[in-house]
Amino acid sequence: MFRLWGKIWKDNHLLKDTVICDDSEDTRTHKIFRGLESICYEMDLGNPIWLESTVRHFKKHGKARFYQDNFIEQIDFDYLEIQVIEEDDE
């Protein structure tokens, strides 16, 4: 099972969160992209853009933060954070 946790933060307070589960046989990258899409759909957000710094941080820490620079539309929170909380056993 692959699980991705999405959290919206504002002023160091957790406003909203959700966990997306994926037990498909797809690649880790596809699961992350699909999970982020599902998180954004659930939270009624546009999909953020993966900047080079976001990708680097995600590869290093298994989580990434999407700030205003990552979104085309205006956001009313500080950032959206995604974190891998469970990886497939392979």
PDB file of N, CA and C in Angstrom:
ATOM      1  N   MET A   1       0.847  -1.191   0.000  1.00  0.00           N
ATOM      2  CA  MET A   1       0.000   0.000   0.000  1.00  0.00           C
ATOM      3  C   MET A   1       0.885   1.245   0.000  1.00  0.00           C
ATOM      4  N   PHE A   2       0.528   2.187  -0.827  1.00  0.00           N
ATOM      5  CA  PHE A   2       1.204   3.479  -0.889  1.00  0.00           C
ATOM      6  C   PHE A   2       0.245   4.524  -0.355  1.00  0.00           C
ATOM      7  N   ARG A   3       0.708   5.334   0.609  1.00  0.00           N
ATOM      8  CA  ARG A   3      -0.152   6.376   1.175  1.00  0.00           C
ATOM      9  C   ARG A   3       0.561   7.722   1.144  1.00  0.00           C
ATOM     10  N   LEU A   4      -0.177   8.735   0.705  1.00  0.00           N
ATOM     11  CA  LEU A   4       0.331  10.100   0.598  1.00  0.00           C
ATOM     12  C   LEU A   4      -0.559  11.004   1.450  1.00  0.00           C
ATOM     13  N   TRP A   5       0.072  11.777   2.325  1.00  0.00           N
ATOM     14  CA  TRP A   5      -0.647  12.648   3.247  1.00  0.00           C
ATOM     15  C   TRP A   5      -0.536  14.082   2.750  1.00  0.00           C
ATOM     16  N   GLY A   6      -1.662  14.733   2.554  1.00  0.00           N
ATOM     17  CA  GLY A   6      -1.698  16.123   2.125  1.00  0.00           C
ATOM     18  C   GLY A   6      -2.216  17.008   3.243  1.00  0.00           C
ATOM     19  N   LYS A   7      -1.519  18.140   3.490  1.00  0.00           N
ATOM     20  CA  LYS A   7      -1.886  19.035   4.593  1.00  0.00           C
ATOM     21  C   LYS A   7      -1.820  20.480   4.124  1.00  0.00           C
ATOM     22  N   ILE A   8      -2.810  21.271   4.530  1.00  0.00           N
ATOM     23  CA  ILE A   8      -2.799  22.704   4.267  1.00  0.00           C
ATOM     24  C   ILE A   8      -2.473  23.418   5.572  1.00  0.00           C
ATOM     25  N   TRP A   9      -1.467  24.315   5.511  1.00  0.00           N
ATOM     26  CA  TRP A   9      -0.987  25.037   6.683  1.00  0.00           C
ATOM     27  C   TRP A   9      -1.159  26.542   6.506  1.00  0.00           C
ATOM     28  N   LYS A  10      -1.539  27.206   7.591  1.00  0.00           N
ATOM     29  CA  LYS A  10      -1.585  28.668   7.622  1.00  0.00           C
ATOM     30  C   LYS A  10      -1.223  29.125   9.020  1.00  0.00           C
ATOM     31  N   ASP A  11      -0.269  30.030   9.132  1.00  0.00           N
ATOM     32  CA  ASP A  11       0.199  30.556  10.419  1.00  0.00           C
ATOM     33  C   ASP A  11       0.564  29.439  11.393  1.00  0.00           C
ATOM     34  N   ASN A  12       1.274  28.427  10.889  1.00  0.00           N
ATOM     35  CA  ASN A  12       1.708  27.274  11.692  1.00  0.00           C
ATOM     36  C   ASN A  12       0.557  26.459  12.283  1.00  0.00           C
ATOM     37  N   HIS A  13      -0.617  26.537  11.670  1.00  0.00           N
ATOM     38  CA  HIS A  13      -1.767  25.740  12.089  1.00  0.00           C
ATOM     39  C   HIS A  13      -2.211  24.855  10.927  1.00  0.00           C
ATOM     40  N   LEU A  14      -2.504  23.622  11.249  1.00  0.00           N
ATOM     41  CA  LEU A  14      -3.027  22.690  10.259  1.00  0.00           C
ATOM     42  C   LEU A  14      -4.497  23.015  10.034  1.00  0.00           C
ATOM     43  N   LEU A  15      -4.843  23.406   8.808  1.00  0.00           N
ATOM     44  CA  LEU A  15      -6.234  23.762   8.501  1.00  0.00           C
ATOM     45  C   LEU A  15      -7.035  22.568   8.004  1.00  0.00           C
ATOM     46  N   LYS A  16      -6.389  21.754   7.180  1.00  0.00           N
ATOM     47  CA  LYS A  16      -7.095  20.650   6.530  1.00  0.00           C
ATOM     48  C   LYS A  16      -6.084  19.588   6.153  1.00  0.00           C
ATOM     49  N   ASP A  17      -6.479  18.318   6.237  1.00  0.00           N
ATOM     50  CA  ASP A  17      -5.585  17.256   5.782  1.00  0.00           C
ATOM     51  C   ASP A  17      -6.388  16.088   5.246  1.00  0.00           C
ATOM     52  N   THR A  18      -5.712  15.265   4.463  1.00  0.00           N
ATOM     53  CA  THR A  18      -6.322  14.080   3.891  1.00  0.00           C
ATOM     54  C   THR A  18      -5.220  13.083   3.547  1.00  0.00           C
ATOM     55  N   VAL A  19      -5.579  11.816   3.518  1.00  0.00           N
ATOM     56  CA  VAL A  19      -4.641  10.758   3.143  1.00  0.00           C
ATOM     57  C   VAL A  19      -5.200  10.042   1.918  1.00  0.00           C
ATOM     58  N   ILE A  20      -4.336   9.869   0.922  1.00  0.00           N
ATOM     59  CA  ILE A  20      -4.696   9.174  -0.307  1.00  0.00           C
ATOM     60  C   ILE A  20      -3.979   7.828  -0.321  1.00  0.00           C
ATOM     61  N   CYS A  21      -4.727   6.765  -0.517  1.00  0.00           N
ATOM     62  CA  CYS A  21      -4.166   5.415  -0.576  1.00  0.00           C
ATOM     63  C   CYS A  21      -4.175   4.916  -2.019  1.00  0.00           C
ATOM     64  N   ASP A  22      -3.126   4.221  -2.405  1.00  0.00           N
ATOM     65  CA  ASP A  22      -3.014   3.699  -3.763  1.00  0.00           C
ATOM     66  C   ASP A  22      -2.371   2.317  -3.692  1.00  0.00           C
ATOM     67  N   ASP A  23      -3.120   1.295  -4.065  1.00  0.00           N
ATOM     68  CA  ASP A  23      -2.552  -0.056  -4.049  1.00  0.00           C
ATOM     69  C   ASP A  23      -2.389  -0.611  -5.465  1.00  0.00           C
ATOM     70  N   SER A  24      -2.292   0.293  -6.440  1.00  0.00           N
ATOM     71  CA  SER A  24      -2.095  -0.130  -7.827  1.00  0.00           C
ATOM     72  C   SER A  24      -0.659  -0.619  -8.026  1.00  0.00           C
ATOM     73  N   GLU A  25      -0.405  -1.196  -9.166  1.00  0.00           N
ATOM     74  CA  GLU A  25       0.924  -1.698  -9.510  1.00  0.00           C
ATOM     75  C   GLU A  25       1.735  -0.647 -10.268  1.00  0.00           C
ATOM     76  N   ASP A  26       1.288   0.583 -10.257  1.00  0.00           N
ATOM     77  CA  ASP A  26       1.934   1.668 -10.986  1.00  0.00           C
ATOM     78  C   ASP A  26       3.274   2.056 -10.345  1.00  0.00           C
ATOM     79  N   THR A  27       4.040   2.901 -11.029  1.00  0.00           N
ATOM     80  CA  THR A  27       5.328   3.347 -10.496  1.00  0.00           C
ATOM     81  C   THR A  27       5.110   4.332  -9.349  1.00  0.00           C
ATOM     82  N   ARG A  28       6.144   4.493  -8.533  1.00  0.00           N
ATOM     83  CA  ARG A  28       6.076   5.424  -7.392  1.00  0.00           C
ATOM     84  C   ARG A  28       5.787   6.843  -7.880  1.00  0.00           C
ATOM     85  N   THR A  29       6.446   7.261  -8.950  1.00  0.00           N
ATOM     86  CA  THR A  29       6.255   8.603  -9.496  1.00  0.00           C
ATOM     87  C   THR A  29       4.810   8.829  -9.909  1.00  0.00           C
ATOM     88  N   HIS A  30       4.227   7.855 -10.613  1.00  0.00           N
ATOM     89  CA  HIS A  30       2.826   7.989 -11.028  1.00  0.00           C
ATOM     90  C   HIS A  30       1.899   8.046  -9.815  1.00  0.00           C
ATOM     91  N   LYS A  31       2.197   7.253  -8.796  1.00  0.00           N
ATOM     92  CA  LYS A  31       1.375   7.270  -7.581  1.00  0.00           C
ATOM     93  C   LYS A  31       1.442   8.624  -6.888  1.00  0.00           C
ATOM     94  N   ILE A  32       2.615   9.231  -6.870  1.00  0.00           N
ATOM     95  CA  ILE A  32       2.774  10.552  -6.248  1.00  0.00           C
ATOM     96  C   ILE A  32       1.982  11.600  -7.022  1.00  0.00           C
ATOM     97  N   PHE A  33       2.139  11.621  -8.345  1.00  0.00           N
ATOM     98  CA  PHE A  33       1.416  12.603  -9.157  1.00  0.00           C
ATOM     99  C   PHE A  33      -0.097  12.412  -9.055  1.00  0.00           C
ATOM    100  N   ARG A  34      -0.544  11.166  -9.131  1.00  0.00           N
ATOM    101  CA  ARG A  34      -1.978  10.877  -9.031  1.00  0.00           C
ATOM    102  C   ARG A  34      -2.495  11.214  -7.631  1.00  0.00           C
ATOM    103  N   GLY A  35      -1.687  10.913  -6.611  1.00  0.00           N
ATOM    104  CA  GLY A  35      -2.064  11.236  -5.235  1.00  0.00           C
ATOM    105  C   GLY A  35      -2.191  12.737  -5.025  1.00  0.00           C
ATOM    106  N   LEU A  36      -1.241  13.503  -5.566  1.00  0.00           N
ATOM    107  CA  LEU A  36      -1.304  14.963  -5.454  1.00  0.00           C
ATOM    108  C   LEU A  36      -2.541  15.509  -6.163  1.00  0.00           C
ATOM    109  N   GLU A  37      -2.842  14.961  -7.327  1.00  0.00           N
ATOM    110  CA  GLU A  37      -4.065  15.357  -8.048  1.00  0.00           C
ATOM    111  C   GLU A  37      -5.309  15.099  -7.203  1.00  0.00           C
ATOM    112  N   SER A  38      -5.365  13.926  -6.575  1.00  0.00           N
ATOM    113  CA  SER A  38      -6.514  13.561  -5.742  1.00  0.00           C
ATOM    114  C   SER A  38      -6.623  14.475  -4.522  1.00  0.00           C
ATOM    115  N   ILE A  39      -5.484  14.794  -3.915  1.00  0.00           N
ATOM    116  CA  ILE A  39      -5.474  15.700  -2.755  1.00  0.00           C
ATOM    117  C   ILE A  39      -6.008  17.065  -3.163  1.00  0.00           C
ATOM    118  N   CYS A  40      -5.527  17.583  -4.282  1.00  0.00           N
ATOM    119  CA  CYS A  40      -5.969  18.901  -4.754  1.00  0.00           C
ATOM    120  C   CYS A  40      -7.443  18.896  -5.119  1.00  0.00           C
ATOM    121  N   TYR A  41      -7.919  17.807  -5.719  1.00  0.00           N
ATOM    122  CA  TYR A  41      -9.340  17.698  -6.059  1.00  0.00           C
ATOM    123  C   TYR A  41     -10.189  17.714  -4.787  1.00  0.00           C
ATOM    124  N   GLU A  42      -9.763  16.922  -3.789  1.00  0.00           N
ATOM    125  CA  GLU A  42     -10.501  16.842  -2.533  1.00  0.00           C
ATOM    126  C   GLU A  42     -10.540  18.181  -1.799  1.00  0.00           C
ATOM    127  N   MET A  43      -9.459  18.946  -1.909  1.00  0.00           N
ATOM    128  CA  MET A  43      -9.355  20.221  -1.201  1.00  0.00           C
ATOM    129  C   MET A  43      -9.743  21.410  -2.079  1.00  0.00           C
ATOM    130  N   ASP A  44     -10.266  21.121  -3.269  1.00  0.00           N
ATOM    131  CA  ASP A  44     -10.718  22.138  -4.216  1.00  0.00           C
ATOM    132  C   ASP A  44      -9.610  23.140  -4.558  1.00  0.00           C
ATOM    133  N   LEU A  45      -8.448  22.597  -4.934  1.00  0.00           N
ATOM    134  CA  LEU A  45      -7.296  23.415  -5.319  1.00  0.00           C
ATOM    135  C   LEU A  45      -6.895  23.091  -6.746  1.00  0.00           C
ATOM    136  N   GLY A  46      -6.266  24.050  -7.400  1.00  0.00           N
ATOM    137  CA  GLY A  46      -5.648  23.775  -8.683  1.00  0.00           C
ATOM    138  C   GLY A  46      -4.382  22.973  -8.440  1.00  0.00           C
ATOM    139  N   ASN A  47      -3.957  22.201  -9.417  1.00  0.00           N
ATOM    140  CA  ASN A  47      -2.729  21.421  -9.252  1.00  0.00           C
ATOM    141  C   ASN A  47      -1.521  22.342  -9.241  1.00  0.00           C
ATOM    142  N   PRO A  48      -0.632  22.175  -8.261  1.00  0.00           N
ATOM    143  CA  PRO A  48       0.565  23.020  -8.205  1.00  0.00           C
ATOM    144  C   PRO A  48       1.612  22.577  -9.228  1.00  0.00           C
ATOM    145  N   ILE A  49       2.542  23.468  -9.480  1.00  0.00           N
ATOM    146  CA  ILE A  49       3.644  23.213 -10.397  1.00  0.00           C
ATOM    147  C   ILE A  49       4.840  22.728  -9.572  1.00  0.00           C
ATOM    148  N   TRP A  50       5.496  21.675 -10.059  1.00  0.00           N
ATOM    149  CA  TRP A  50       6.689  21.157  -9.382  1.00  0.00           C
ATOM    150  C   TRP A  50       7.881  21.995  -9.818  1.00  0.00           C
ATOM    151  N   LEU A  51       8.374  22.869  -8.955  1.00  0.00           N
ATOM    152  CA  LEU A  51       9.581  23.629  -9.238  1.00  0.00           C
ATOM    153  C   LEU A  51      10.794  22.758  -8.926  1.00  0.00           C
ATOM    154  N   GLU A  52      11.945  23.123  -9.457  1.00  0.00           N
ATOM    155  CA  GLU A  52      13.152  22.333  -9.252  1.00  0.00           C
ATOM    156  C   GLU A  52      13.471  22.173  -7.755  1.00  0.00           C
ATOM    157  N   SER A  53      13.294  23.235  -6.997  1.00  0.00           N
ATOM    158  CA  SER A  53      13.569  23.170  -5.556  1.00  0.00           C
ATOM    159  C   SER A  53      12.591  22.233  -4.846  1.00  0.00           C
ATOM    160  N   THR A  54      11.352  22.191  -5.320  1.00  0.00           N
ATOM    161  CA  THR A  54      10.342  21.299  -4.740  1.00  0.00           C
ATOM    162  C   THR A  54      10.725  19.842  -4.988  1.00  0.00           C
ATOM    163  N   VAL A  55      11.144  19.540  -6.202  1.00  0.00           N
ATOM    164  CA  VAL A  55      11.549  18.179  -6.561  1.00  0.00           C
ATOM    165  C   VAL A  55      12.752  17.746  -5.728  1.00  0.00           C
ATOM    166  N   ARG A  56      13.735  18.634  -5.609  1.00  0.00           N
ATOM    167  CA  ARG A  56      14.939  18.338  -4.830  1.00  0.00           C
ATOM    168  C   ARG A  56      14.595  18.017  -3.374  1.00  0.00           C
ATOM    169  N   HIS A  57      13.747  18.828  -2.774  1.00  0.00           N
ATOM    170  CA  HIS A  57      13.347  18.625  -1.383  1.00  0.00           C
ATOM    171  C   HIS A  57      12.572  17.321  -1.231  1.00  0.00           C
ATOM    172  N   PHE A  58      11.711  17.016  -2.182  1.00  0.00           N
ATOM    173  CA  PHE A  58      10.918  15.790  -2.104  1.00  0.00           C
ATOM    174  C   PHE A  58      11.809  14.555  -2.199  1.00  0.00           C
ATOM    175  N   LYS A  59      12.779  14.585  -3.102  1.00  0.00           N
ATOM    176  CA  LYS A  59      13.690  13.447  -3.249  1.00  0.00           C
ATOM    177  C   LYS A  59      14.504  13.220  -1.980  1.00  0.00           C
ATOM    178  N   LYS A  60      14.872  14.296  -1.317  1.00  0.00           N
ATOM    179  CA  LYS A  60      15.723  14.200  -0.128  1.00  0.00           C
ATOM    180  C   LYS A  60      14.953  13.803   1.127  1.00  0.00           C
ATOM    181  N   HIS A  61      13.741  14.340   1.295  1.00  0.00           N
ATOM    182  CA  HIS A  61      13.008  14.175   2.549  1.00  0.00           C
ATOM    183  C   HIS A  61      11.716  13.362   2.461  1.00  0.00           C
ATOM    184  N   GLY A  62      11.261  13.035   1.261  1.00  0.00           N
ATOM    185  CA  GLY A  62      10.012  12.294   1.125  1.00  0.00           C
ATOM    186  C   GLY A  62       8.782  13.145   1.364  1.00  0.00           C
ATOM    187  N   LYS A  63       8.976  14.472   1.383  1.00  0.00           N
ATOM    188  CA  LYS A  63       7.845  15.391   1.484  1.00  0.00           C
ATOM    189  C   LYS A  63       8.189  16.679   0.749  1.00  0.00           C
ATOM    190  N   ALA A  64       7.167  17.410   0.373  1.00  0.00           N
ATOM    191  CA  ALA A  64       7.367  18.646  -0.376  1.00  0.00           C
ATOM    192  C   ALA A  64       6.326  19.667   0.038  1.00  0.00           C
ATOM    193  N   ARG A  65       6.719  20.925  -0.034  1.00  0.00           N
ATOM    194  CA  ARG A  65       5.806  22.029   0.253  1.00  0.00           C
ATOM    195  C   ARG A  65       5.588  22.838  -1.005  1.00  0.00           C
ATOM    196  N   PHE A  66       4.321  23.139  -1.257  1.00  0.00           N
ATOM    197  CA  PHE A  66       3.937  23.942  -2.411  1.00  0.00           C
ATOM    198  C   PHE A  66       3.439  25.292  -1.913  1.00  0.00           C
ATOM    199  N   TYR A  67       4.205  26.348  -2.214  1.00  0.00           N
ATOM    200  CA  TYR A  67       3.877  27.709  -1.792  1.00  0.00           C
ATOM    201  C   TYR A  67       3.153  28.445  -2.910  1.00  0.00           C
ATOM    202  N   GLN A  68       2.883  29.727  -2.705  1.00  0.00           N
ATOM    203  CA  GLN A  68       2.181  30.530  -3.699  1.00  0.00           C
ATOM    204  C   GLN A  68       2.874  30.456  -5.062  1.00  0.00           C
ATOM    205  N   ASP A  69       4.198  30.408  -5.085  1.00  0.00           N
ATOM    206  CA  ASP A  69       4.944  30.341  -6.353  1.00  0.00           C
ATOM    207  C   ASP A  69       4.616  29.089  -7.161  1.00  0.00           C
ATOM    208  N   ASN A  70       4.151  28.041  -6.493  1.00  0.00           N
ATOM    209  CA  ASN A  70       3.836  26.786  -7.172  1.00  0.00           C
ATOM    210  C   ASN A  70       2.430  26.779  -7.776  1.00  0.00           C
ATOM    211  N   PHE A  71       1.597  27.735  -7.397  1.00  0.00           N
ATOM    212  CA  PHE A  71       0.210  27.775  -7.859  1.00  0.00           C
ATOM    213  C   PHE A  71       0.000  28.925  -8.835  1.00  0.00           C
ATOM    214  N   ILE A  72      -0.840  28.699  -9.817  1.00  0.00           N
ATOM    215  CA  ILE A  72      -1.185  29.754 -10.767  1.00  0.00           C
ATOM    216  C   ILE A  72      -2.187  30.709 -10.139  1.00  0.00           C
ATOM    217  N   GLU A  73      -3.194  30.146  -9.455  1.00  0.00           N
ATOM    218  CA  GLU A  73      -4.210  30.981  -8.819  1.00  0.00           C
ATOM    219  C   GLU A  73      -3.753  31.394  -7.416  1.00  0.00           C
ATOM    220  N   GLN A  74      -4.399  32.396  -6.878  1.00  0.00           N
ATOM    221  CA  GLN A  74      -4.097  32.889  -5.527  1.00  0.00           C
ATOM    222  C   GLN A  74      -4.563  31.858  -4.495  1.00  0.00           C
ATOM    223  N   ILE A  75      -3.748  31.614  -3.465  1.00  0.00           N
ATOM    224  CA  ILE A  75      -4.131  30.688  -2.399  1.00  0.00           C
ATOM    225  C   ILE A  75      -4.322  31.472  -1.099  1.00  0.00           C
ATOM    226  N   ASP A  76      -5.194  30.962  -0.226  1.00  0.00           N
ATOM    227  CA  ASP A  76      -5.473  31.661   1.042  1.00  0.00           C
ATOM    228  C   ASP A  76      -4.876  30.907   2.239  1.00  0.00           C
ATOM    229  N   PHE A  77      -3.745  30.256   2.015  1.00  0.00           N
ATOM    230  CA  PHE A  77      -3.021  29.550   3.058  1.00  0.00           C
ATOM    231  C   PHE A  77      -1.529  29.726   2.775  1.00  0.00           C
ATOM    232  N   ASP A  78      -0.684  29.304   3.707  1.00  0.00           N
ATOM    233  CA  ASP A  78       0.765  29.485   3.526  1.00  0.00           C
ATOM    234  C   ASP A  78       1.355  28.462   2.562  1.00  0.00           C
ATOM    235  N   TYR A  79       1.006  27.188   2.744  1.00  0.00           N
ATOM    236  CA  TYR A  79       1.516  26.157   1.844  1.00  0.00           C
ATOM    237  C   TYR A  79       0.729  24.868   1.967  1.00  0.00           C
ATOM    238  N   LEU A  80       0.818  24.062   0.902  1.00  0.00           N
ATOM    239  CA  LEU A  80       0.298  22.704   0.868  1.00  0.00           C
ATOM    240  C   LEU A  80       1.500  21.788   0.993  1.00  0.00           C
ATOM    241  N   GLU A  81       1.438  20.863   1.938  1.00  0.00           N
ATOM    242  CA  GLU A  81       2.539  19.926   2.129  1.00  0.00           C
ATOM    243  C   GLU A  81       2.052  18.522   1.819  1.00  0.00           C
ATOM    244  N   ILE A  82       2.875  17.780   1.063  1.00  0.00           N
ATOM    245  CA  ILE A  82       2.568  16.365   0.850  1.00  0.00           C
ATOM    246  C   ILE A  82       3.706  15.553   1.435  1.00  0.00           C
ATOM    247  N   GLN A  83       3.364  14.377   1.956  1.00  0.00           N
ATOM    248  CA  GLN A  83       4.367  13.522   2.587  1.00  0.00           C
ATOM    249  C   GLN A  83       4.001  12.076   2.347  1.00  0.00           C
ATOM    250  N   VAL A  84       4.988  11.288   1.925  1.00  0.00           N
ATOM    251  CA  VAL A  84       4.786   9.850   1.777  1.00  0.00           C
ATOM    252  C   VAL A  84       4.834   9.248   3.173  1.00  0.00           C
ATOM    253  N   ILE A  85       3.742   8.585   3.574  1.00  0.00           N
ATOM    254  CA  ILE A  85       3.709   8.011   4.921  1.00  0.00           C
ATOM    255  C   ILE A  85       3.770   6.489   4.901  1.00  0.00           C
ATOM    256  N   GLU A  86       3.586   5.898   3.726  1.00  0.00           N
ATOM    257  CA  GLU A  86       3.734   4.448   3.605  1.00  0.00           C
ATOM    258  C   GLU A  86       4.129   4.106   2.190  1.00  0.00           C
ATOM    259  N   GLU A  87       5.148   3.273   2.075  1.00  0.00           N
ATOM    260  CA  GLU A  87       5.639   2.839   0.763  1.00  0.00           C
ATOM    261  C   GLU A  87       5.217   1.404   0.525  1.00  0.00           C
ATOM    262  N   ASP A  88       5.172   1.021  -0.735  1.00  0.00           N
ATOM    263  CA  ASP A  88       4.887  -0.374  -1.083  1.00  0.00           C
ATOM    264  C   ASP A  88       6.019  -1.262  -0.597  1.00  0.00           C
ATOM    265  N   ASP A  89       5.681  -2.457  -0.162  1.00  0.00           N
ATOM    266  CA  ASP A  89       6.681  -3.442   0.229  1.00  0.00           C
ATOM    267  C   ASP A  89       7.081  -4.234  -1.003  1.00  0.00           C
ATOM    268  N   GLU A  90       8.271  -3.994  -1.471  1.00  0.00           N
ATOM    269  CA  GLU A  90       8.732  -4.703  -2.672  1.00  0.00           C
ATOM    270  C   GLU A  90      10.110  -5.237  -2.476  1.00  0.00           C
TER     271      GLU A  90
END
